[in-house]
Amino acid sequence: MPDAEYEWWIDQRIRDEYGVLHVTRLFHYGPFRDEKAAERQIDELKRTERYRRATLLPSKQRKQD
């Protein structure tokens, strides 16, 4: 059962040419009701050229009232 206090998002992690890690939340995908739904979307995104080399991770965030 999904946790009613949280929503799930997808975070993208990419290192630039200087080795600095940049984390971006993909707001145009989500929120998701649970981690499994976010992981299914990640699987779909990894099939595209744009996200093939990026590290995509599910991320939980407390819902705002």
Protein backbone atom coordinates (compact mmCIF):
# COMPACT_ATOMS: atom_id res chain seq x y z
CA MET A 1 0.00 0.00 0.00
CA PRO A 2 1.36 3.46 -0.88
CA ASP A 3 2.39 5.73 1.98
CA ALA A 4 -0.10 8.62 2.06
CA GLU A 5 2.51 11.03 3.47
CA TYR A 6 4.97 10.71 0.57
CA GLU A 7 5.11 11.04 -3.19
CA TRP A 8 7.77 9.64 -5.48
CA TRP A 9 9.75 11.45 -8.16
CA ILE A 10 12.61 10.67 -10.52
CA ASP A 11 15.97 12.33 -9.93
CA GLN A 12 18.61 12.54 -12.67
CA ARG A 13 22.28 12.56 -11.68
CA ILE A 14 24.94 13.65 -14.18
CA ARG A 15 28.61 14.60 -13.75
CA ASP A 16 29.90 17.45 -15.86
CA GLU A 17 33.34 17.60 -17.49
CA TYR A 18 34.83 18.93 -14.22
CA GLY A 19 33.50 16.03 -12.16
CA VAL A 20 30.81 18.08 -10.43
CA LEU A 21 27.65 16.10 -9.73
CA HIS A 22 24.38 17.77 -10.80
CA VAL A 23 21.08 16.42 -9.51
CA THR A 24 17.88 17.42 -11.27
CA ARG A 25 14.36 16.39 -10.36
CA LEU A 26 12.35 15.50 -13.45
CA PHE A 27 9.17 17.38 -12.58
CA HIS A 28 7.59 16.65 -15.97
CA TYR A 29 7.43 12.97 -14.87
CA GLY A 30 5.56 12.36 -11.65
CA PRO A 31 4.68 12.47 -8.91
CA PHE A 32 4.20 8.72 -8.58
CA ARG A 33 2.15 6.93 -5.94
CA ASP A 34 4.88 4.45 -5.04
CA GLU A 35 8.47 3.46 -5.75
CA LYS A 36 7.50 0.69 -8.17
CA ALA A 37 5.60 3.14 -10.40
CA ALA A 38 8.63 5.44 -10.48
CA GLU A 39 10.90 2.51 -11.35
CA ARG A 40 8.62 1.48 -14.23
CA GLN A 41 8.88 5.01 -15.64
CA ILE A 42 12.67 4.92 -15.23
CA ASP A 43 12.76 1.68 -17.26
CA GLU A 44 10.81 3.42 -20.03
CA LEU A 45 13.05 6.50 -19.96
CA LYS A 46 16.25 4.44 -20.15
CA ARG A 47 15.10 3.21 -23.57
CA THR A 48 15.36 6.74 -24.96
CA GLU A 49 18.61 8.28 -26.19
CA ARG A 50 18.25 11.32 -23.93
CA TYR A 51 18.32 9.34 -20.66
CA ARG A 52 20.38 6.32 -21.70
CA ARG A 53 23.61 7.66 -20.15
CA ALA A 54 22.06 9.42 -17.17
CA THR A 55 21.67 7.90 -13.74
CA LEU A 56 17.96 7.94 -12.88
CA LEU A 57 16.84 7.14 -9.36
CA PRO A 58 13.47 7.07 -7.60
CA SER A 59 13.26 9.70 -4.87
CA LYS A 60 10.76 10.00 -2.04
CA GLN A 61 9.53 13.38 -0.81
CA ARG A 62 7.06 14.25 1.91
CA LYS A 63 3.84 15.66 0.46
CA GLN A 64 3.13 19.31 1.06
CA ASP A 65 -0.31 20.17 2.38
